[in-house]
Protein backbone atom coordinates (compact mmCIF):
# COMPACT_ATOMS: atom_id res chain seq x y z
CA UNK A 1 -120.97 20.74 -25.62
CA UNK A 2 -118.95 17.62 -26.19
CA UNK A 3 -117.61 19.07 -29.47
CA UNK A 4 -116.24 22.19 -27.74
CA UNK A 5 -114.59 20.11 -25.06
CA UNK A 6 -112.81 17.98 -27.66
CA UNK A 7 -111.57 21.05 -29.52
CA UNK A 8 -110.13 22.51 -26.35
CA UNK A 9 -108.26 19.24 -25.62
CA UNK A 10 -106.84 19.17 -29.11
CA UNK A 11 -105.56 22.71 -28.76
CA UNK A 12 -103.90 21.86 -25.49
CA UNK A 13 -102.09 18.87 -27.01
CA UNK A 14 -100.88 21.02 -29.88
CA UNK A 15 -99.57 23.68 -27.53
CA UNK A 16 -97.73 21.11 -25.41
CA UNK A 17 -96.20 19.59 -28.54
CA UNK A 18 -95.06 22.98 -29.78
CA UNK A 19 -93.62 23.84 -26.39
CA UNK A 20 -91.81 20.53 -26.24
CA UNK A 21 -90.40 21.07 -29.73
CA UNK A 22 -89.28 24.55 -28.80
CA UNK A 23 -87.56 23.32 -25.69
CA UNK A 24 -85.78 20.58 -27.58
CA UNK A 25 -84.74 23.03 -30.27
CA UNK A 26 -83.51 25.50 -27.70
CA UNK A 27 -81.46 22.90 -25.87
CA UNK A 28 -79.91 21.72 -29.11
CA UNK A 29 -78.86 25.24 -30.05
CA UNK A 30 -77.10 25.87 -26.73
CA UNK A 31 -74.88 22.69 -26.83
CA UNK A 32 -70.99 23.54 -26.87
CA UNK A 33 -68.94 22.50 -29.87
CA UNK A 34 -66.33 19.66 -29.07
CA UNK A 35 -62.61 20.83 -29.08
CA UNK A 36 -60.05 18.41 -30.66
CA UNK A 37 -56.61 18.85 -29.01
CA UNK A 38 -53.45 18.50 -31.10
CA UNK A 39 -51.31 15.44 -30.18
CA UNK A 40 -47.73 15.85 -28.78
CA UNK A 41 -45.15 13.82 -26.79
CA UNK A 42 -44.05 15.22 -23.40
CA UNK A 43 -40.26 15.27 -22.97
CA UNK A 44 -37.56 16.48 -20.62
CA UNK A 45 -34.56 18.25 -22.08
CA UNK A 46 -31.02 19.40 -21.37
CA UNK A 47 -29.07 22.18 -23.01
CA UNK A 48 -25.74 21.11 -24.53
CA UNK A 49 -22.76 22.58 -22.66
CA UNK A 50 -19.32 21.78 -21.31
CA UNK A 51 -18.73 19.59 -18.27
CA UNK A 52 -15.91 17.99 -16.29
CA UNK A 53 -16.04 14.22 -16.73
CA UNK A 54 -14.51 11.80 -14.26
CA UNK A 55 -14.50 7.99 -14.32
CA UNK A 56 -13.76 6.25 -11.04
CA UNK A 57 -13.26 2.71 -9.79
CA UNK A 58 -13.95 1.68 -6.19
CA UNK A 59 -11.83 -1.17 -4.81
CA UNK A 60 -11.68 -2.67 -1.35
CA UNK A 61 -8.80 -3.50 0.94
CA UNK A 62 -7.78 -3.97 4.54
CA UNK A 63 -6.13 -1.22 6.59
CA UNK A 64 -2.63 -2.03 7.83
CA UNK A 65 0.02 -0.10 9.71
CA UNK A 66 3.43 0.86 8.38
CA UNK A 67 4.82 0.03 11.83
CA UNK A 68 3.28 -3.37 12.53
CA UNK A 69 6.28 -4.79 14.38
CA UNK A 70 6.58 -8.17 16.08
CA UNK A 71 8.95 -7.85 19.04
CA UNK A 72 10.81 -11.19 19.26
CA UNK A 73 13.34 -11.71 22.08
CA UNK A 74 16.84 -12.50 20.82
CA UNK A 75 17.59 -14.68 23.84
CA UNK A 76 15.62 -17.39 25.56
CA UNK A 77 14.87 -17.19 29.25
CA UNK A 78 12.35 -16.74 32.04
CA UNK A 79 10.44 -13.46 31.87
CA UNK A 80 11.35 -11.35 34.88
CA UNK A 81 9.13 -8.30 34.22
CA UNK A 82 6.61 -6.96 31.70
CA UNK A 83 6.45 -3.18 31.74
CA UNK A 84 3.60 -2.48 29.29
CA UNK A 85 0.05 -3.54 28.49
CA UNK A 86 -2.13 -3.49 25.39
CA UNK A 87 -2.95 0.06 24.34
CA UNK A 88 0.13 1.69 25.86
CA UNK A 89 2.00 4.16 23.67
CA UNK A 90 5.75 3.53 23.67
CA UNK A 91 8.79 5.23 22.18
CA UNK A 92 11.76 3.63 20.45
CA UNK A 93 14.27 2.42 23.08
CA UNK A 94 11.71 2.15 25.88
CA UNK A 95 12.02 -1.05 27.99
CA UNK A 96 9.13 -3.44 27.26
CA UNK A 97 10.17 -6.50 29.27
CA UNK A 98 13.19 -8.09 30.92
CA UNK A 99 14.45 -11.67 30.97
CA UNK A 100 16.19 -13.26 33.97
CA UNK A 101 19.93 -12.49 33.59
CA UNK A 102 21.44 -14.97 36.07
CA UNK A 103 22.70 -17.54 33.55
CA UNK A 104 23.51 -14.88 30.97
CA UNK A 105 25.54 -12.93 33.52
CA UNK A 106 27.50 -16.06 34.48
CA UNK A 107 28.20 -16.78 30.81
CA UNK A 108 29.43 -13.23 30.33
CA UNK A 109 31.75 -13.34 33.34
CA UNK A 110 33.21 -16.63 32.15
CA UNK A 111 33.74 -15.26 28.64
CA UNK A 112 35.34 -12.13 30.06
CA UNK A 113 37.74 -14.18 32.23
CA UNK A 114 38.63 -16.35 29.25
CA UNK A 115 39.26 -13.24 27.19
CA UNK A 116 41.49 -11.65 29.82
CA UNK A 117 43.51 -14.86 30.14
CA UNK A 118 43.85 -15.16 26.38
CA UNK A 119 44.84 -11.54 26.10
CA UNK A 120 47.60 -12.00 28.67
CA UNK A 121 48.87 -15.08 26.85
CA UNK A 122 48.72 -13.21 23.56
CA UNK A 123 50.68 -10.29 24.96
CA UNK A 124 53.24 -12.65 26.54
CA UNK A 125 53.58 -14.56 23.30
CA UNK A 126 54.17 -11.35 21.38
CA UNK A 127 56.91 -10.33 23.84
CA UNK A 128 58.54 -13.76 23.69
CA UNK A 129 58.34 -13.74 19.93
CA UNK A 130 60.22 -10.46 19.70
CA UNK A 131 62.88 -11.67 22.14
CA UNK A 132 63.26 -15.01 20.38
CA UNK A 133 63.58 -13.34 17.01
CA UNK A 134 66.30 -11.02 18.35
CA UNK A 135 68.16 -13.87 20.04
CA UNK A 136 67.83 -16.11 16.97
CA UNK A 137 69.23 -13.38 14.79
CA UNK A 138 72.21 -12.95 17.08
CA UNK A 139 72.94 -16.67 17.53
CA UNK A 140 72.53 -17.49 13.84
CA UNK A 141 74.82 -14.61 12.93
CA UNK A 142 77.54 -16.03 15.31
CA UNK A 143 77.09 -19.52 13.85
CA UNK A 144 77.45 -18.25 10.32
CA UNK A 145 80.63 -16.37 11.30
CA UNK A 146 82.03 -19.54 12.88
CA UNK A 147 81.23 -21.47 9.72
CA UNK A 148 82.93 -18.86 7.55
CA UNK A 149 86.11 -18.92 9.71
CA UNK A 150 86.21 -22.71 9.79
CA UNK A 151 85.86 -22.88 6.01
CA UNK A 152 88.74 -20.39 5.62
CA UNK A 153 90.93 -22.50 7.88
CA UNK A 154 89.85 -25.65 6.05
CA UNK A 155 90.82 -24.06 2.72
CA UNK A 156 94.22 -23.11 4.23
CA UNK A 157 94.71 -26.65 5.53
CA UNK A 158 94.51 -25.50 9.14
CA UNK A 159 91.12 -27.21 9.91
CA UNK A 160 89.90 -30.72 9.26
CA UNK A 161 86.89 -31.78 7.19
CA UNK A 162 85.10 -32.97 10.29
CA UNK A 163 85.49 -29.54 11.88
CA UNK A 164 83.94 -27.94 8.78
CA UNK A 165 81.06 -30.43 8.78
CA UNK A 166 80.45 -29.81 12.45
CA UNK A 167 80.24 -26.02 11.88
CA UNK A 168 77.74 -26.47 9.00
CA UNK A 169 75.61 -28.88 11.04
CA UNK A 170 75.61 -26.53 14.01
CA UNK A 171 74.27 -23.66 11.85
CA UNK A 172 71.51 -25.81 10.38
CA UNK A 173 70.40 -27.11 13.78
CA UNK A 174 70.37 -23.59 15.21
CA UNK A 175 68.30 -22.22 12.29
CA UNK A 176 65.84 -25.12 12.54
CA UNK A 177 65.43 -24.77 16.29
CA UNK A 178 64.76 -21.07 16.23
CA UNK A 179 62.42 -21.42 13.23
CA UNK A 180 60.25 -23.86 15.23
CA UNK A 181 60.19 -21.58 18.27
CA UNK A 182 59.30 -18.52 16.19
CA UNK A 183 56.55 -20.41 14.39
CA UNK A 184 54.98 -21.57 17.66
CA UNK A 185 55.18 -18.13 19.24
CA UNK A 186 53.80 -16.52 16.08
CA UNK A 187 50.68 -18.69 16.34
CA UNK A 188 50.22 -17.76 19.98
CA UNK A 189 50.80 -14.08 19.22
CA UNK A 190 48.55 -13.96 16.16
CA UNK A 191 45.44 -11.74 16.22
CA UNK A 192 43.21 -14.65 15.22
CA UNK A 193 43.83 -16.44 18.50
CA UNK A 194 42.67 -13.41 20.44
CA UNK A 195 39.81 -12.58 18.10
CA UNK A 196 38.12 -15.90 18.68
CA UNK A 197 37.70 -15.30 22.41
CA UNK A 198 36.94 -11.64 21.71
CA UNK A 199 33.97 -12.70 19.54
CA UNK A 200 32.80 -15.02 22.30
CA UNK A 201 32.96 -12.16 24.79
CA UNK A 202 31.02 -9.87 22.41
CA UNK A 203 28.32 -12.49 21.95
CA UNK A 204 28.03 -12.98 25.71
CA UNK A 205 27.74 -9.21 26.20
CA UNK A 206 25.04 -8.94 23.48
CA UNK A 207 23.09 -11.79 25.04
CA UNK A 208 23.20 -10.03 28.38
CA UNK A 209 22.08 -6.76 26.78
CA UNK A 210 19.29 -8.55 24.86
CA UNK A 211 17.80 -9.73 28.13
CA UNK A 212 16.37 -6.22 28.30
CA UNK A 213 13.86 -6.04 25.45
CA UNK A 214 13.22 -2.51 24.15
CA UNK A 215 10.83 -1.02 21.59
CA UNK A 216 12.45 -0.90 18.13
CA UNK A 217 10.08 1.89 16.96
CA UNK A 218 7.50 4.31 18.27
CA UNK A 219 4.05 2.71 18.40
CA UNK A 220 1.13 1.37 20.40
CA UNK A 221 1.22 -2.03 22.08
CA UNK A 222 -1.29 -4.19 20.21
CA UNK A 223 -0.45 -7.60 21.72
CA UNK A 224 1.29 -8.95 24.82
CA UNK A 225 1.94 -12.68 24.58
CA UNK A 226 4.08 -13.26 27.69
CA UNK A 227 3.65 -12.98 31.43
CA UNK A 228 6.08 -12.91 34.33
CA UNK A 229 7.45 -16.39 34.94
CA UNK A 230 6.86 -17.65 31.42
CA UNK A 231 9.73 -18.58 29.14
CA UNK A 232 10.33 -16.17 26.29
CA UNK A 233 11.73 -17.68 23.09
CA UNK A 234 12.58 -16.57 19.59
CA UNK A 235 9.86 -18.88 18.24
CA UNK A 236 7.06 -16.44 19.15
CA UNK A 237 6.69 -12.67 19.34
CA UNK A 238 6.58 -11.53 22.95
CA UNK A 239 4.77 -8.31 21.99
CA UNK A 240 3.45 -6.55 18.91
CA UNK A 241 3.54 -2.84 18.19
CA UNK A 242 1.48 -0.87 15.73
CA UNK A 243 0.95 2.76 14.78
CA UNK A 244 -2.23 4.60 13.86
CA UNK A 245 -0.27 7.49 12.37
CA UNK A 246 1.08 5.74 9.29
CA UNK A 247 -1.66 3.58 7.81
CA UNK A 248 -2.06 2.08 4.36
CA UNK A 249 -4.29 -0.26 2.40
CA UNK A 250 -3.17 -2.68 -0.29
CA UNK A 251 -5.64 -3.15 -3.12
CA UNK A 252 -5.39 -5.03 -6.41
CA UNK A 253 -6.22 -3.54 -9.80
CA UNK A 254 -6.77 -5.28 -13.16
CA UNK A 255 -4.50 -4.82 -16.14
CA UNK A 256 -6.90 -2.43 -17.90
CA UNK A 257 -6.56 0.06 -15.02
CA UNK A 258 -2.97 -0.25 -13.84
CA UNK A 259 -1.49 1.99 -16.57
CA UNK A 260 -4.03 4.73 -15.84
CA UNK A 261 -2.70 5.21 -12.32
CA UNK A 262 0.39 7.05 -11.12
CA UNK A 263 2.45 7.18 -7.97
CA UNK A 264 1.59 10.08 -5.59
CA UNK A 265 -1.87 10.53 -7.15
CA UNK A 266 -4.43 11.55 -4.52
CA UNK A 267 -7.38 9.21 -3.91
CA UNK A 268 -10.48 9.13 -1.73
CA UNK A 269 -10.69 6.54 1.03
CA UNK A 270 -13.83 5.55 2.92
CA UNK A 271 -13.82 3.43 6.07
CA UNK A 272 -17.50 2.52 6.62
CA UNK A 273 -17.01 1.43 10.24
CA UNK A 274 -15.64 4.88 11.10
CA UNK A 275 -17.54 7.39 8.96
CA UNK A 276 -19.23 7.93 5.63
CA UNK A 277 -16.96 10.90 4.97
CA UNK A 278 -13.89 10.57 2.79
CA UNK A 279 -10.35 10.42 4.12
CA UNK A 280 -7.40 11.66 2.08
CA UNK A 281 -5.18 9.02 0.54
CA UNK A 282 -2.22 8.85 -1.83
CA UNK A 283 -0.84 6.11 -4.07
CA UNK A 284 2.53 5.15 -2.57
CA UNK A 285 3.60 2.49 -5.06
CA UNK A 286 2.30 0.28 -7.87
CA UNK A 287 3.68 -3.21 -8.39
CA UNK A 288 5.36 -3.60 -11.81
CA UNK A 289 4.19 -7.22 -12.06
CA UNK A 290 0.91 -9.05 -11.45
CA UNK A 291 0.31 -11.46 -8.63
CA UNK A 292 0.71 -14.92 -10.20
CA UNK A 293 -2.33 -16.24 -8.30
CA UNK A 294 -4.82 -13.43 -8.99
CA UNK A 295 -3.27 -11.85 -12.12
CA UNK A 296 -3.96 -8.48 -10.48
CA UNK A 297 -1.47 -5.70 -9.73
CA UNK A 298 -1.00 -4.84 -6.02
CA UNK A 299 -1.20 -1.14 -5.24
CA UNK A 300 -0.34 0.50 -1.91
CA UNK A 301 -2.37 3.52 -0.77
CA UNK A 302 -1.25 5.64 2.19
CA UNK A 303 -4.14 6.88 4.35
CA UNK A 304 -4.20 10.13 6.29
CA UNK A 305 -5.49 9.48 9.82
CA UNK A 306 -5.40 12.90 11.45
CA UNK A 307 -7.93 12.10 14.22
CA UNK A 308 -6.69 8.58 14.86
CA UNK A 309 -10.12 7.09 14.18
CA UNK A 310 -8.95 4.51 11.65
CA UNK A 311 -7.45 1.37 13.15
CA UNK A 312 -5.35 -1.36 11.52
CA UNK A 313 -7.54 -4.28 10.45
CA UNK A 314 -10.52 -2.15 9.38
CA UNK A 315 -12.15 -2.50 5.97
CA UNK A 316 -11.54 0.39 3.52
CA UNK A 317 -12.92 1.43 0.13
CA UNK A 318 -10.54 3.27 -2.19
CA UNK A 319 -11.91 5.43 -5.00
CA UNK A 320 -9.47 5.72 -7.89
CA UNK A 321 -9.82 8.27 -10.71
CA UNK A 322 -9.21 6.25 -13.89
CA UNK A 323 -10.25 8.84 -16.53
CA UNK A 324 -10.62 12.59 -16.29
CA UNK A 325 -11.45 15.38 -18.75
CA UNK A 326 -11.79 18.90 -17.42
CA UNK A 327 -13.88 20.89 -19.94
CA UNK A 328 -15.56 18.97 -22.74
CA UNK A 329 -18.93 19.04 -24.52
CA UNK A 330 -21.13 16.50 -22.76
CA UNK A 331 -24.74 15.51 -22.14
CA UNK A 332 -26.48 12.94 -20.00
CA UNK A 333 -25.62 9.39 -21.05
CA UNK A 334 -29.29 8.36 -21.19
CA UNK A 335 -29.92 10.86 -24.02
CA UNK A 336 -27.87 8.75 -26.43
CA UNK A 337 -29.77 5.92 -28.18
CA UNK A 338 -28.87 3.34 -30.79
CA UNK A 339 -31.13 3.31 -33.85
CA UNK A 340 -30.53 1.50 -37.11
CA UNK A 341 -26.96 0.83 -35.97
CA UNK A 342 -26.38 4.56 -35.56
CA UNK A 343 -25.65 6.48 -32.39
CA UNK A 344 -28.15 9.31 -32.28
CA UNK A 345 -29.43 12.03 -30.02
CA UNK A 346 -32.86 13.66 -30.35
CA UNK A 347 -32.94 17.44 -30.16
CA UNK A 348 -35.88 19.84 -30.17
CA UNK A 349 -36.24 22.25 -33.11
CA UNK A 350 -39.42 24.31 -33.50
CA UNK A 351 -41.27 22.01 -31.08
CA UNK A 352 -40.38 18.95 -33.14
CA UNK A 353 -38.01 16.04 -32.56
CA UNK A 354 -34.98 15.97 -34.86
CA UNK A 355 -32.43 13.12 -34.89
CA UNK A 356 -28.72 13.96 -34.79
CA UNK A 357 -26.06 11.32 -35.37
CA UNK A 358 -23.22 11.81 -32.90
CA UNK A 359 -19.71 10.55 -32.15
CA UNK A 360 -19.16 9.93 -28.44
CA UNK A 361 -16.10 9.83 -26.21
CA UNK A 362 -15.66 9.30 -22.49
CA UNK A 363 -18.75 7.85 -20.78
CA UNK A 364 -18.98 8.07 -16.99
CA UNK A 365 -22.33 6.32 -16.82
CA UNK A 366 -23.98 9.62 -15.90
CA UNK A 367 -22.60 11.95 -18.56
CA UNK A 368 -21.07 11.23 -21.96
CA UNK A 369 -18.63 13.25 -24.06
CA UNK A 370 -19.86 14.41 -27.50
CA UNK A 371 -17.05 14.65 -30.04
CA UNK A 372 -19.17 15.37 -33.13
CA UNK A 373 -22.80 15.96 -34.09
CA UNK A 374 -24.06 18.61 -31.64
CA UNK A 375 -23.55 22.31 -31.07
CA UNK A 376 -23.37 24.35 -27.93
CA UNK A 377 -26.88 25.35 -26.83
CA UNK A 378 -28.72 22.50 -28.61
CA UNK A 379 -31.75 21.30 -26.66
CA UNK A 380 -31.36 17.56 -26.19
CA UNK A 381 -34.19 15.24 -25.15
CA UNK A 382 -33.07 13.27 -22.08
CA UNK A 383 -36.43 11.70 -21.18
CA UNK A 384 -38.98 10.56 -23.71
CA UNK A 385 -36.30 10.06 -26.36
CA UNK A 386 -37.36 6.45 -26.92
CA UNK A 387 -40.95 7.53 -27.73
CA UNK A 388 -40.27 10.08 -30.45
CA UNK A 389 -39.53 9.80 -34.14
CA UNK A 390 -38.39 12.25 -36.78
CA UNK A 391 -40.75 15.24 -36.94
CA UNK A 392 -42.88 14.25 -33.97
CA UNK A 393 -44.34 17.23 -32.15
CA UNK A 394 -43.03 17.43 -28.60
CA UNK A 395 -43.79 19.49 -25.56
CA UNK A 396 -41.07 20.28 -23.01
CA UNK A 397 -42.38 19.45 -19.56
CA UNK A 398 -39.16 19.35 -17.56
CA UNK A 399 -35.39 19.59 -17.53
CA UNK A 400 -33.18 22.47 -18.63
CA UNK A 401 -34.63 24.33 -21.60
CA UNK A 402 -32.39 26.46 -23.77
């Protein structure tokens, strides 16, 4: 009985072992085979083509007005009226302020009276001069005739020596007397004597006229420095005018840029306090010599201010085009690397990286001109180029594929 039981247990153990072996064998047979992937370097590429390259320089300056005018009175006096205020638009010739004319008017009347008196004396002197000249001519002619007759009588023995001497002396005295009179009257009748008082009258009239201060140009009143009752002088501007229609900015450029710029070239101007958009500008003039303090060359840029948003005194940024090429072979600047003292670019050929030595030209910092070494349509690696080497397998994962 016990023997049969033991045999049954042994059979069971054997069966379990066989089943376990079968299960293990079955599991082993169904296991998937491991796949080994081929190694590659992911890259981004760009196809070689033609581009327009532009190099720019951005310089800063302050906005000024072409018609920033300080209105300085030409005469000193008490301000009688001020006809404008800050912000008013005025036209050339418009009255801005007036100065009390009482003293100036008195000075003018006195100068005018002095001129009229001098003119009358001048005219009288001219008349007297003409009369004196005519009378002198007549009297001297008679005296000369008397002398000639006396000399003839003296030669004939009919007149004495004293009579001849008296005739000669009479002629000399007459000539001397009239010469003195003519000289004195000539001075009185000269134009210079009248011109002196005429100049004084003109100055008095100008001073009277200058008591009315007018706008020398069209503009907007930017400052008013006087009030009624104050004394206006030539030491300080009474008012200031400006214009928002003709604005400019003066910037300074280094010597390596000055010869790349030309008069009348268009530029872009940005005034951050007004807008992020660009305003049109134009180079008006370029200084032929550097500022001795900064060693930079001043450059004047006119700014178009169609909407009147830009105001004098604002800060402006001027973008200058320093280099420009319209249609040249170019790629992204980052694609170019330096290796073993050679300038190279990696291109993709048959899914492998191939080095190409290149000669470069204009570099804008974003794109760079290729003069030699590449062909149109080449696929250039622009990202991942520092990770590859000759013959490395690559996989294009981005960019512009040819």
